[in-house]
Amino acid sequence: MKQYTVYYLSLSEIKFYRTYLLSQVSEERKKRVLAYLNEEDQLLSLGAGYFVHKYFNDDVKKTSSGKLVSPKGFFNISHCKNYVVFVISDNECGIDIEEKREVKESLINYAFSESDKELIKKPEDFFLMWTLKEAIAKAEGSGLSGEIKNIPVGTGLIEYKDNSYMVKFTTLADYYISVAVKTNKPFEIVLKEEIIK
């Protein structure tokens, strides 16, 4: 069965190697990193930039919807609080990571249909479903600007906007990670801590 590796970096690792990582990313990324006022935001941006630099030599562009694309292959990045995650695929793909925490009712109403809401029994259910939807939205290229409420919830094969997406999830500490790939073939996710060198 096909395997996709989800590489991850912890915020503490990025902070430890901050000076080195700043020397590795493009000048444009360095400016974006340093423009953030909050140190956590700087580190998350730096981690994302490191992945783009290492695996795609900064050969990326942004689409009109904000998705990063490269002529060298398909990839996607996500970050949340303590981790940056990165996946490379042979087709359009999306990844999302979210920490398990309390959920606001307004967010549930924004992201979920009435039938989706019936599946939420505890906060963990919300974040699992959110990451699954967001991974599909990112693979499709719309991200949160799309109609996330209309994206079907589930793992395995999901049909959305006349496309087939295979969707899987895994966990890392108190975080859910979901990956969606534009394919109808099953795959496995392998988590791997990125080694900075």
N, C-alpha and C. Protein backbone atom coordinates (compact mmCIF):
# COMPACT_ATOMS: atom_id res chain seq x y z
N MET A 1 0.85 -1.19 0.00
CA MET A 1 0.00 0.00 0.00
C MET A 1 0.89 1.25 0.00
N LYS A 2 0.44 2.26 -0.73
CA LYS A 2 1.17 3.53 -0.80
C LYS A 2 1.29 4.14 0.59
N GLN A 3 2.45 4.74 0.87
CA GLN A 3 2.65 5.44 2.14
C GLN A 3 3.05 6.88 1.86
N TYR A 4 2.49 7.78 2.64
CA TYR A 4 2.90 9.18 2.59
C TYR A 4 3.49 9.53 3.96
N THR A 5 4.66 10.13 3.92
CA THR A 5 5.31 10.52 5.16
C THR A 5 4.87 11.93 5.55
N VAL A 6 4.43 12.06 6.79
CA VAL A 6 4.13 13.37 7.36
C VAL A 6 5.32 13.74 8.24
N TYR A 7 6.09 14.70 7.78
CA TYR A 7 7.24 15.19 8.55
C TYR A 7 6.74 16.24 9.53
N TYR A 8 7.31 16.24 10.73
CA TYR A 8 6.90 17.25 11.70
C TYR A 8 8.11 17.82 12.41
N LEU A 9 7.95 19.08 12.80
CA LEU A 9 8.94 19.79 13.62
C LEU A 9 8.22 20.38 14.82
N SER A 10 8.80 20.25 15.99
CA SER A 10 8.21 20.86 17.17
C SER A 10 8.70 22.30 17.28
N LEU A 11 7.90 23.11 17.93
CA LEU A 11 8.27 24.51 18.13
C LEU A 11 9.57 24.62 18.92
N SER A 12 9.77 23.75 19.89
CA SER A 12 11.00 23.80 20.70
C SER A 12 12.22 23.49 19.84
N GLU A 13 12.10 22.57 18.88
CA GLU A 13 13.20 22.24 17.98
C GLU A 13 13.51 23.42 17.05
N ILE A 14 12.46 24.04 16.54
CA ILE A 14 12.64 25.21 15.67
C ILE A 14 13.32 26.34 16.46
N LYS A 15 12.90 26.53 17.70
CA LYS A 15 13.48 27.58 18.53
C LYS A 15 14.97 27.30 18.80
N PHE A 16 15.30 26.05 19.07
CA PHE A 16 16.68 25.67 19.36
C PHE A 16 17.58 25.95 18.15
N TYR A 17 17.07 25.66 16.94
CA TYR A 17 17.86 25.83 15.72
C TYR A 17 17.54 27.13 14.97
N ARG A 18 16.91 28.07 15.62
CA ARG A 18 16.42 29.29 14.98
C ARG A 18 17.48 29.97 14.11
N THR A 19 18.66 30.23 14.65
CA THR A 19 19.71 30.95 13.91
C THR A 19 20.10 30.18 12.66
N TYR A 20 20.28 28.88 12.80
CA TYR A 20 20.64 28.05 11.65
C TYR A 20 19.53 28.06 10.61
N LEU A 21 18.29 27.89 11.05
CA LEU A 21 17.17 27.84 10.11
C LEU A 21 17.01 29.16 9.37
N LEU A 22 17.21 30.28 10.05
CA LEU A 22 17.14 31.58 9.38
C LEU A 22 18.19 31.70 8.28
N SER A 23 19.33 31.04 8.48
CA SER A 23 20.38 31.08 7.45
C SER A 23 20.05 30.18 6.26
N GLN A 24 19.08 29.29 6.41
CA GLN A 24 18.74 28.33 5.36
C GLN A 24 17.60 28.77 4.46
N VAL A 25 16.72 29.64 4.95
CA VAL A 25 15.53 30.01 4.18
C VAL A 25 15.82 31.18 3.26
N SER A 26 14.93 31.42 2.32
CA SER A 26 15.10 32.53 1.38
C SER A 26 15.00 33.86 2.10
N GLU A 27 15.51 34.89 1.47
CA GLU A 27 15.42 36.25 2.04
C GLU A 27 13.97 36.67 2.21
N GLU A 28 13.14 36.30 1.24
CA GLU A 28 11.72 36.64 1.32
C GLU A 28 11.09 35.99 2.55
N ARG A 29 11.38 34.71 2.77
CA ARG A 29 10.83 34.01 3.94
C ARG A 29 11.38 34.62 5.21
N LYS A 30 12.66 34.94 5.24
CA LYS A 30 13.27 35.54 6.43
C LYS A 30 12.55 36.83 6.81
N LYS A 31 12.24 37.65 5.81
CA LYS A 31 11.52 38.92 6.07
C LYS A 31 10.13 38.64 6.64
N ARG A 32 9.46 37.64 6.06
CA ARG A 32 8.12 37.29 6.57
C ARG A 32 8.18 36.79 8.01
N VAL A 33 9.18 35.96 8.29
CA VAL A 33 9.35 35.43 9.65
C VAL A 33 9.54 36.57 10.64
N LEU A 34 10.45 37.46 10.33
CA LEU A 34 10.80 38.54 11.25
C LEU A 34 9.73 39.62 11.34
N ALA A 35 8.80 39.64 10.38
CA ALA A 35 7.71 40.62 10.41
C ALA A 35 6.68 40.29 11.49
N TYR A 36 6.62 39.02 11.90
CA TYR A 36 5.67 38.65 12.96
C TYR A 36 6.14 39.23 14.29
N LEU A 37 5.21 39.76 15.06
CA LEU A 37 5.54 40.31 16.37
C LEU A 37 5.64 39.22 17.43
N ASN A 38 4.82 38.20 17.30
CA ASN A 38 4.75 37.11 18.26
C ASN A 38 5.82 36.07 17.93
N GLU A 39 6.59 35.67 18.93
CA GLU A 39 7.67 34.69 18.70
C GLU A 39 7.13 33.36 18.19
N GLU A 40 6.01 32.90 18.71
CA GLU A 40 5.43 31.62 18.27
C GLU A 40 5.12 31.68 16.78
N ASP A 41 4.52 32.78 16.31
CA ASP A 41 4.22 32.93 14.89
C ASP A 41 5.50 32.94 14.06
N GLN A 42 6.53 33.59 14.55
CA GLN A 42 7.81 33.61 13.85
C GLN A 42 8.35 32.18 13.67
N LEU A 43 8.30 31.42 14.75
CA LEU A 43 8.85 30.07 14.71
C LEU A 43 8.05 29.15 13.79
N LEU A 44 6.72 29.27 13.81
CA LEU A 44 5.89 28.44 12.94
C LEU A 44 6.16 28.78 11.47
N SER A 45 6.28 30.06 11.16
CA SER A 45 6.59 30.48 9.79
C SER A 45 7.98 30.00 9.38
N LEU A 46 8.92 30.06 10.30
CA LEU A 46 10.27 29.60 10.02
C LEU A 46 10.29 28.09 9.75
N GLY A 47 9.56 27.33 10.53
CA GLY A 47 9.48 25.89 10.31
C GLY A 47 8.89 25.57 8.94
N ALA A 48 7.82 26.27 8.56
CA ALA A 48 7.21 26.06 7.25
C ALA A 48 8.21 26.41 6.15
N GLY A 49 8.92 27.52 6.32
CA GLY A 49 9.91 27.94 5.34
C GLY A 49 11.05 26.94 5.19
N TYR A 50 11.44 26.35 6.30
CA TYR A 50 12.50 25.35 6.27
C TYR A 50 12.10 24.16 5.41
N PHE A 51 10.86 23.66 5.59
CA PHE A 51 10.39 22.53 4.78
C PHE A 51 10.40 22.88 3.29
N VAL A 52 9.87 24.06 2.95
CA VAL A 52 9.82 24.49 1.55
C VAL A 52 11.24 24.59 0.97
N HIS A 53 12.16 25.13 1.76
CA HIS A 53 13.53 25.28 1.29
C HIS A 53 14.20 23.91 1.11
N LYS A 54 14.06 23.06 2.10
CA LYS A 54 14.75 21.77 2.06
C LYS A 54 14.25 20.86 0.94
N TYR A 55 12.94 20.78 0.79
CA TYR A 55 12.39 19.81 -0.15
C TYR A 55 12.09 20.37 -1.55
N PHE A 56 11.97 21.70 -1.65
CA PHE A 56 11.65 22.30 -2.95
C PHE A 56 12.56 23.46 -3.33
N ASN A 57 13.64 23.64 -2.58
CA ASN A 57 14.63 24.67 -2.87
C ASN A 57 13.98 26.03 -3.14
N ASP A 58 12.92 26.33 -2.40
CA ASP A 58 12.18 27.60 -2.48
C ASP A 58 11.53 27.84 -3.84
N ASP A 59 11.45 26.81 -4.68
CA ASP A 59 10.84 26.94 -6.00
C ASP A 59 9.32 26.77 -5.86
N VAL A 60 8.67 27.77 -5.24
CA VAL A 60 7.23 27.72 -5.01
C VAL A 60 6.61 29.07 -5.38
N LYS A 61 5.32 28.99 -5.69
CA LYS A 61 4.53 30.20 -5.96
C LYS A 61 3.21 30.04 -5.25
N LYS A 62 2.54 31.18 -5.02
CA LYS A 62 1.21 31.16 -4.41
C LYS A 62 0.16 31.28 -5.50
N THR A 63 -0.88 30.45 -5.39
CA THR A 63 -2.02 30.59 -6.30
C THR A 63 -2.88 31.75 -5.82
N SER A 64 -3.90 32.10 -6.60
CA SER A 64 -4.80 33.19 -6.21
C SER A 64 -5.53 32.88 -4.91
N SER A 65 -5.69 31.58 -4.60
CA SER A 65 -6.36 31.20 -3.35
C SER A 65 -5.38 31.10 -2.18
N GLY A 66 -4.08 31.32 -2.46
CA GLY A 66 -3.09 31.30 -1.38
C GLY A 66 -2.36 29.99 -1.20
N LYS A 67 -2.68 28.99 -2.03
CA LYS A 67 -2.02 27.70 -1.91
C LYS A 67 -0.62 27.77 -2.51
N LEU A 68 0.37 27.20 -1.81
CA LEU A 68 1.72 27.12 -2.33
C LEU A 68 1.83 25.95 -3.29
N VAL A 69 2.40 26.20 -4.47
CA VAL A 69 2.56 25.14 -5.47
C VAL A 69 3.99 25.19 -6.02
N SER A 70 4.45 24.04 -6.51
CA SER A 70 5.78 23.95 -7.08
C SER A 70 5.74 23.09 -8.33
N PRO A 71 6.54 23.43 -9.35
CA PRO A 71 6.62 22.56 -10.53
C PRO A 71 7.34 21.24 -10.22
N LYS A 72 7.96 21.16 -9.04
CA LYS A 72 8.73 19.97 -8.66
C LYS A 72 7.89 18.89 -7.99
N GLY A 73 6.63 19.20 -7.65
CA GLY A 73 5.80 18.20 -7.00
C GLY A 73 4.71 18.81 -6.15
N PHE A 74 3.90 17.94 -5.56
CA PHE A 74 2.77 18.36 -4.73
C PHE A 74 3.15 18.26 -3.26
N PHE A 75 2.73 19.26 -2.49
CA PHE A 75 3.01 19.26 -1.06
C PHE A 75 1.99 20.15 -0.36
N ASN A 76 1.96 20.06 0.95
CA ASN A 76 1.13 20.95 1.74
C ASN A 76 1.72 21.04 3.14
N ILE A 77 1.44 22.16 3.80
CA ILE A 77 1.97 22.45 5.13
C ILE A 77 0.83 22.90 6.04
N SER A 78 0.94 22.58 7.30
CA SER A 78 0.02 23.10 8.30
C SER A 78 0.78 23.28 9.61
N HIS A 79 0.28 24.15 10.45
CA HIS A 79 0.89 24.30 11.77
C HIS A 79 -0.17 24.70 12.78
N CYS A 80 0.11 24.36 14.02
CA CYS A 80 -0.82 24.67 15.10
C CYS A 80 -0.06 24.63 16.42
N LYS A 81 0.11 25.74 17.02
CA LYS A 81 0.66 25.90 18.37
C LYS A 81 2.06 25.31 18.55
N ASN A 82 2.21 24.00 18.64
CA ASN A 82 3.51 23.41 18.94
C ASN A 82 4.17 22.64 17.80
N TYR A 83 3.48 22.52 16.66
CA TYR A 83 4.02 21.71 15.57
C TYR A 83 3.80 22.33 14.20
N VAL A 84 4.75 22.06 13.31
CA VAL A 84 4.59 22.31 11.88
C VAL A 84 4.63 20.94 11.22
N VAL A 85 3.65 20.65 10.35
CA VAL A 85 3.61 19.37 9.65
C VAL A 85 3.66 19.61 8.14
N PHE A 86 4.24 18.64 7.43
CA PHE A 86 4.51 18.80 6.00
C PHE A 86 4.34 17.44 5.33
N VAL A 87 3.68 17.43 4.17
CA VAL A 87 3.49 16.18 3.42
C VAL A 87 3.80 16.44 1.95
N ILE A 88 4.42 15.46 1.32
CA ILE A 88 4.70 15.47 -0.12
C ILE A 88 3.90 14.32 -0.73
N SER A 89 3.31 14.56 -1.91
CA SER A 89 2.47 13.56 -2.54
C SER A 89 2.72 13.53 -4.05
N ASP A 90 2.21 12.51 -4.69
CA ASP A 90 2.29 12.43 -6.14
C ASP A 90 1.04 13.02 -6.81
N ASN A 91 0.11 13.53 -6.02
CA ASN A 91 -1.10 14.20 -6.50
C ASN A 91 -1.39 15.39 -5.60
N GLU A 92 -2.37 16.22 -5.99
CA GLU A 92 -2.80 17.32 -5.14
C GLU A 92 -3.09 16.77 -3.75
N CYS A 93 -2.66 17.50 -2.73
CA CYS A 93 -2.83 17.01 -1.36
C CYS A 93 -3.08 18.17 -0.41
N GLY A 94 -3.60 17.83 0.75
CA GLY A 94 -3.82 18.80 1.81
C GLY A 94 -3.54 18.15 3.14
N ILE A 95 -3.09 18.97 4.08
CA ILE A 95 -2.83 18.46 5.44
C ILE A 95 -3.32 19.50 6.43
N ASP A 96 -3.82 19.04 7.56
CA ASP A 96 -4.22 19.95 8.62
C ASP A 96 -3.88 19.33 9.97
N ILE A 97 -3.51 20.19 10.91
CA ILE A 97 -3.22 19.76 12.28
C ILE A 97 -3.97 20.68 13.23
N GLU A 98 -4.59 20.10 14.23
CA GLU A 98 -5.31 20.87 15.25
C GLU A 98 -5.11 20.21 16.61
N GLU A 99 -4.98 21.05 17.61
CA GLU A 99 -4.86 20.58 18.99
C GLU A 99 -6.24 20.30 19.55
N LYS A 100 -6.38 19.23 20.31
CA LYS A 100 -7.63 18.93 20.99
C LYS A 100 -7.82 19.95 22.12
N ARG A 101 -8.94 20.64 22.10
CA ARG A 101 -9.22 21.66 23.12
C ARG A 101 -10.73 21.91 23.15
N GLU A 102 -11.16 22.84 24.01
CA GLU A 102 -12.58 23.18 24.06
C GLU A 102 -12.99 23.86 22.76
N VAL A 103 -14.25 23.71 22.39
CA VAL A 103 -14.74 24.22 21.11
C VAL A 103 -15.82 25.26 21.35
N LYS A 104 -15.76 26.35 20.58
CA LYS A 104 -16.80 27.38 20.66
C LYS A 104 -17.96 26.99 19.74
N GLU A 105 -19.16 27.25 20.19
CA GLU A 105 -20.37 26.93 19.43
C GLU A 105 -20.38 27.62 18.07
N SER A 106 -19.86 28.84 18.01
CA SER A 106 -19.85 29.60 16.75
C SER A 106 -19.00 28.89 15.70
N LEU A 107 -17.92 28.25 16.12
CA LEU A 107 -17.06 27.53 15.18
C LEU A 107 -17.76 26.27 14.66
N ILE A 108 -18.48 25.60 15.54
CA ILE A 108 -19.25 24.43 15.13
C ILE A 108 -20.28 24.83 14.08
N ASN A 109 -20.99 25.92 14.33
CA ASN A 109 -22.02 26.38 13.39
C ASN A 109 -21.41 26.82 12.06
N TYR A 110 -20.22 27.37 12.10
CA TYR A 110 -19.54 27.82 10.87
C TYR A 110 -19.13 26.65 9.99
N ALA A 111 -18.60 25.61 10.61
CA ALA A 111 -17.94 24.54 9.84
C ALA A 111 -18.81 23.33 9.55
N PHE A 112 -19.89 23.13 10.30
CA PHE A 112 -20.59 21.87 10.20
C PHE A 112 -22.06 22.00 9.86
N SER A 113 -22.52 21.07 9.02
CA SER A 113 -23.94 20.97 8.69
C SER A 113 -24.66 20.35 9.89
N GLU A 114 -25.98 20.35 9.80
CA GLU A 114 -26.77 19.77 10.90
C GLU A 114 -26.46 18.29 11.06
N SER A 115 -26.30 17.57 9.95
CA SER A 115 -25.99 16.13 10.07
C SER A 115 -24.58 15.92 10.64
N ASP A 116 -23.63 16.82 10.30
CA ASP A 116 -22.29 16.74 10.88
C ASP A 116 -22.36 16.92 12.40
N LYS A 117 -23.14 17.89 12.83
CA LYS A 117 -23.23 18.23 14.26
C LYS A 117 -23.69 17.04 15.09
N GLU A 118 -24.53 16.20 14.51
CA GLU A 118 -25.03 15.03 15.23
C GLU A 118 -23.91 14.04 15.55
N LEU A 119 -22.80 14.11 14.81
CA LEU A 119 -21.67 13.21 15.03
C LEU A 119 -20.73 13.69 16.14
N ILE A 120 -20.92 14.93 16.58
CA ILE A 120 -20.03 15.49 17.60
C ILE A 120 -20.55 15.13 18.98
N LYS A 121 -19.83 14.24 19.64
CA LYS A 121 -20.21 13.81 20.99
C LYS A 121 -19.27 14.38 22.04
N LYS A 122 -18.04 14.75 21.62
CA LYS A 122 -17.04 15.31 22.54
C LYS A 122 -16.12 16.22 21.73
N PRO A 123 -15.35 17.10 22.39
CA PRO A 123 -14.49 18.04 21.64
C PRO A 123 -13.56 17.35 20.65
N GLU A 124 -13.07 16.17 20.99
CA GLU A 124 -12.16 15.46 20.09
C GLU A 124 -12.82 15.17 18.74
N ASP A 125 -14.13 14.88 18.76
CA ASP A 125 -14.84 14.61 17.51
C ASP A 125 -14.80 15.82 16.60
N PHE A 126 -15.00 16.99 17.19
CA PHE A 126 -14.97 18.22 16.39
C PHE A 126 -13.63 18.37 15.68
N PHE A 127 -12.52 18.23 16.40
CA PHE A 127 -11.22 18.48 15.81
C PHE A 127 -10.82 17.41 14.80
N LEU A 128 -11.25 16.19 15.02
CA LEU A 128 -11.01 15.16 14.01
C LEU A 128 -11.75 15.54 12.73
N MET A 129 -13.03 15.87 12.85
CA MET A 129 -13.83 16.20 11.68
C MET A 129 -13.32 17.49 11.02
N TRP A 130 -12.92 18.47 11.82
CA TRP A 130 -12.41 19.72 11.27
C TRP A 130 -11.16 19.47 10.42
N THR A 131 -10.22 18.67 10.94
CA THR A 131 -8.99 18.43 10.18
C THR A 131 -9.26 17.66 8.90
N LEU A 132 -10.21 16.73 8.95
CA LEU A 132 -10.57 15.98 7.74
C LEU A 132 -11.12 16.92 6.67
N LYS A 133 -12.03 17.79 7.07
CA LYS A 133 -12.61 18.75 6.13
C LYS A 133 -11.55 19.72 5.61
N GLU A 134 -10.74 20.24 6.51
CA GLU A 134 -9.72 21.21 6.12
C GLU A 134 -8.68 20.60 5.19
N ALA A 135 -8.30 19.35 5.42
CA ALA A 135 -7.34 18.68 4.52
C ALA A 135 -7.91 18.58 3.11
N ILE A 136 -9.19 18.25 2.98
CA ILE A 136 -9.82 18.19 1.66
C ILE A 136 -9.86 19.59 1.04
N ALA A 137 -10.24 20.59 1.82
CA ALA A 137 -10.32 21.96 1.31
C ALA A 137 -8.95 22.43 0.81
N LYS A 138 -7.89 22.08 1.53
CA LYS A 138 -6.55 22.48 1.12
C LYS A 138 -6.08 21.71 -0.12
N ALA A 139 -6.45 20.44 -0.22
CA ALA A 139 -6.11 19.67 -1.42
C ALA A 139 -6.85 20.23 -2.63
N GLU A 140 -8.08 20.64 -2.41
CA GLU A 140 -8.91 21.19 -3.47
C GLU A 140 -8.42 22.58 -3.87
N GLY A 141 -7.74 23.27 -2.93
CA GLY A 141 -7.15 24.57 -3.23
C GLY A 141 -7.89 25.75 -2.67
N SER A 142 -8.97 25.51 -1.92
CA SER A 142 -9.75 26.64 -1.41
C SER A 142 -9.44 26.99 0.04
N GLY A 143 -9.00 26.02 0.83
CA GLY A 143 -8.77 26.29 2.25
C GLY A 143 -10.03 26.79 2.91
N LEU A 144 -9.89 27.62 3.93
CA LEU A 144 -11.05 28.11 4.67
C LEU A 144 -11.92 29.05 3.86
N SER A 145 -11.41 29.56 2.72
CA SER A 145 -12.23 30.46 1.91
C SER A 145 -13.32 29.69 1.16
N GLY A 146 -13.20 28.38 1.15
CA GLY A 146 -14.20 27.56 0.47
C GLY A 146 -15.41 27.30 1.34
N GLU A 147 -16.27 26.42 0.87
CA GLU A 147 -17.49 26.08 1.59
C GLU A 147 -17.23 24.88 2.49
N ILE A 148 -16.51 25.10 3.59
CA ILE A 148 -16.11 23.98 4.45
C ILE A 148 -17.32 23.22 5.00
N LYS A 149 -18.41 23.91 5.21
CA LYS A 149 -19.61 23.26 5.73
C LYS A 149 -20.12 22.18 4.77
N ASN A 150 -19.88 22.37 3.48
CA ASN A 150 -20.39 21.43 2.47
C ASN A 150 -19.47 20.24 2.22
N ILE A 151 -18.28 20.26 2.79
CA ILE A 151 -17.34 19.15 2.59
C ILE A 151 -17.81 17.96 3.43
N PRO A 152 -17.95 16.80 2.82
CA PRO A 152 -18.39 15.63 3.58
C PRO A 152 -17.38 15.24 4.67
N VAL A 153 -17.89 14.68 5.74
CA VAL A 153 -17.05 14.23 6.84
C VAL A 153 -16.80 12.74 6.69
N GLY A 154 -15.55 12.33 6.93
CA GLY A 154 -15.28 10.90 6.92
C GLY A 154 -13.84 10.62 6.56
N THR A 155 -13.47 9.37 6.73
CA THR A 155 -12.16 8.91 6.30
C THR A 155 -12.39 7.94 5.15
N GLY A 156 -11.31 7.61 4.46
CA GLY A 156 -11.45 6.76 3.29
C GLY A 156 -11.74 7.60 2.07
N LEU A 157 -12.54 7.08 1.14
CA LEU A 157 -12.82 7.76 -0.11
C LEU A 157 -13.95 8.78 0.07
N ILE A 158 -13.65 10.03 -0.26
CA ILE A 158 -14.63 11.11 -0.16
C ILE A 158 -14.77 11.76 -1.53
N GLU A 159 -15.99 11.92 -1.98
CA GLU A 159 -16.27 12.62 -3.25
C GLU A 159 -16.64 14.05 -2.93
N TYR A 160 -15.95 14.99 -3.59
CA TYR A 160 -16.22 16.41 -3.36
C TYR A 160 -15.91 17.19 -4.63
N LYS A 161 -16.87 17.96 -5.09
CA LYS A 161 -16.72 18.78 -6.31
C LYS A 161 -16.21 17.95 -7.49
N ASP A 162 -16.85 16.83 -7.73
CA ASP A 162 -16.52 15.95 -8.86
C ASP A 162 -15.11 15.38 -8.80
N ASN A 163 -14.49 15.38 -7.63
CA ASN A 163 -13.16 14.79 -7.44
C ASN A 163 -13.21 13.74 -6.35
N SER A 164 -12.30 12.79 -6.43
CA SER A 164 -12.17 11.76 -5.40
C SER A 164 -10.95 12.09 -4.53
N TYR A 165 -11.15 12.06 -3.23
CA TYR A 165 -10.06 12.29 -2.28
C TYR A 165 -10.01 11.12 -1.31
N MET A 166 -8.83 10.57 -1.13
CA MET A 166 -8.63 9.57 -0.09
C MET A 166 -8.15 10.34 1.13
N VAL A 167 -8.80 10.10 2.27
CA VAL A 167 -8.53 10.88 3.49
C VAL A 167 -8.19 9.95 4.64
N LYS A 168 -7.11 10.26 5.33
CA LYS A 168 -6.67 9.48 6.50
C LYS A 168 -6.30 10.45 7.63
N PHE A 169 -6.31 9.93 8.86
CA PHE A 169 -5.87 10.76 9.98
C PHE A 169 -4.96 9.96 10.89
N THR A 170 -4.20 10.70 11.68
CA THR A 170 -3.36 10.12 12.71
C THR A 170 -3.30 11.12 13.86
N THR A 171 -2.63 10.74 14.93
CA THR A 171 -2.48 11.66 16.07
C THR A 171 -1.00 11.81 16.41
N LEU A 172 -0.69 12.95 16.99
CA LEU A 172 0.64 13.25 17.49
C LEU A 172 0.44 13.98 18.81
N ALA A 173 0.76 13.31 19.90
CA ALA A 173 0.49 13.86 21.25
C ALA A 173 -1.00 14.22 21.31
N ASP A 174 -1.33 15.48 21.64
CA ASP A 174 -2.73 15.90 21.74
C ASP A 174 -3.23 16.58 20.47
N TYR A 175 -2.72 16.18 19.33
CA TYR A 175 -3.06 16.81 18.06
C TYR A 175 -3.61 15.77 17.09
N TYR A 176 -4.60 16.20 16.31
CA TYR A 176 -5.08 15.41 15.18
C TYR A 176 -4.41 15.92 13.92
N ILE A 177 -4.00 15.00 13.06
CA ILE A 177 -3.43 15.34 11.76
C ILE A 177 -4.21 14.56 10.71
N SER A 178 -4.75 15.28 9.72
CA SER A 178 -5.45 14.63 8.62
C SER A 178 -4.76 14.96 7.31
N VAL A 179 -4.73 13.98 6.42
CA VAL A 179 -4.12 14.13 5.09
C VAL A 179 -5.17 13.71 4.06
N ALA A 180 -5.33 14.55 3.03
CA ALA A 180 -6.21 14.24 1.91
C ALA A 180 -5.38 14.27 0.63
N VAL A 181 -5.53 13.24 -0.19
CA VAL A 181 -4.82 13.17 -1.46
C VAL A 181 -5.86 12.95 -2.56
N LYS A 182 -5.71 13.68 -3.66
CA LYS A 182 -6.64 13.56 -4.79
C LYS A 182 -6.34 12.26 -5.52
N THR A 183 -6.96 11.19 -5.03
CA THR A 183 -6.79 9.85 -5.58
C THR A 183 -7.93 8.98 -5.08
N ASN A 184 -8.12 7.86 -5.71
CA ASN A 184 -9.10 6.90 -5.18
C ASN A 184 -8.40 5.66 -4.63
N LYS A 185 -7.07 5.74 -4.52
CA LYS A 185 -6.30 4.61 -4.01
C LYS A 185 -5.98 4.79 -2.53
N PRO A 186 -6.14 3.74 -1.73
CA PRO A 186 -5.85 3.84 -0.30
C PRO A 186 -4.36 4.08 -0.04
N PHE A 187 -4.06 4.69 1.08
CA PHE A 187 -2.67 4.91 1.49
C PHE A 187 -2.58 4.90 3.01
N GLU A 188 -1.37 4.82 3.48
CA GLU A 188 -1.09 4.89 4.92
C GLU A 188 -0.29 6.16 5.19
N ILE A 189 -0.41 6.66 6.42
CA ILE A 189 0.37 7.82 6.86
C ILE A 189 1.48 7.32 7.78
N VAL A 190 2.67 7.80 7.54
CA VAL A 190 3.81 7.50 8.42
C VAL A 190 4.29 8.83 9.01
N LEU A 191 4.29 8.95 10.32
CA LEU A 191 4.80 10.15 10.99
C LEU A 191 6.30 10.06 11.15
N LYS A 192 6.99 11.16 10.85
CA LYS A 192 8.45 11.14 10.98
C LYS A 192 8.94 12.51 11.44
N GLU A 193 9.66 12.52 12.55
CA GLU A 193 10.22 13.77 13.03
C GLU A 193 11.32 14.23 12.08
N GLU A 194 11.24 15.47 11.64
CA GLU A 194 12.25 16.02 10.73
C GLU A 194 13.55 16.21 11.49
N ILE A 195 14.64 15.77 10.90
CA ILE A 195 15.97 15.96 11.48
C ILE A 195 16.59 17.17 10.82
N ILE A 196 16.85 18.20 11.60
CA ILE A 196 17.46 19.42 11.07
C ILE A 196 18.93 19.21 10.89
N LYS A 197 19.41 19.45 9.65
CA LYS A 197 20.85 19.32 9.40
C LYS A 197 21.26 20.23 8.27
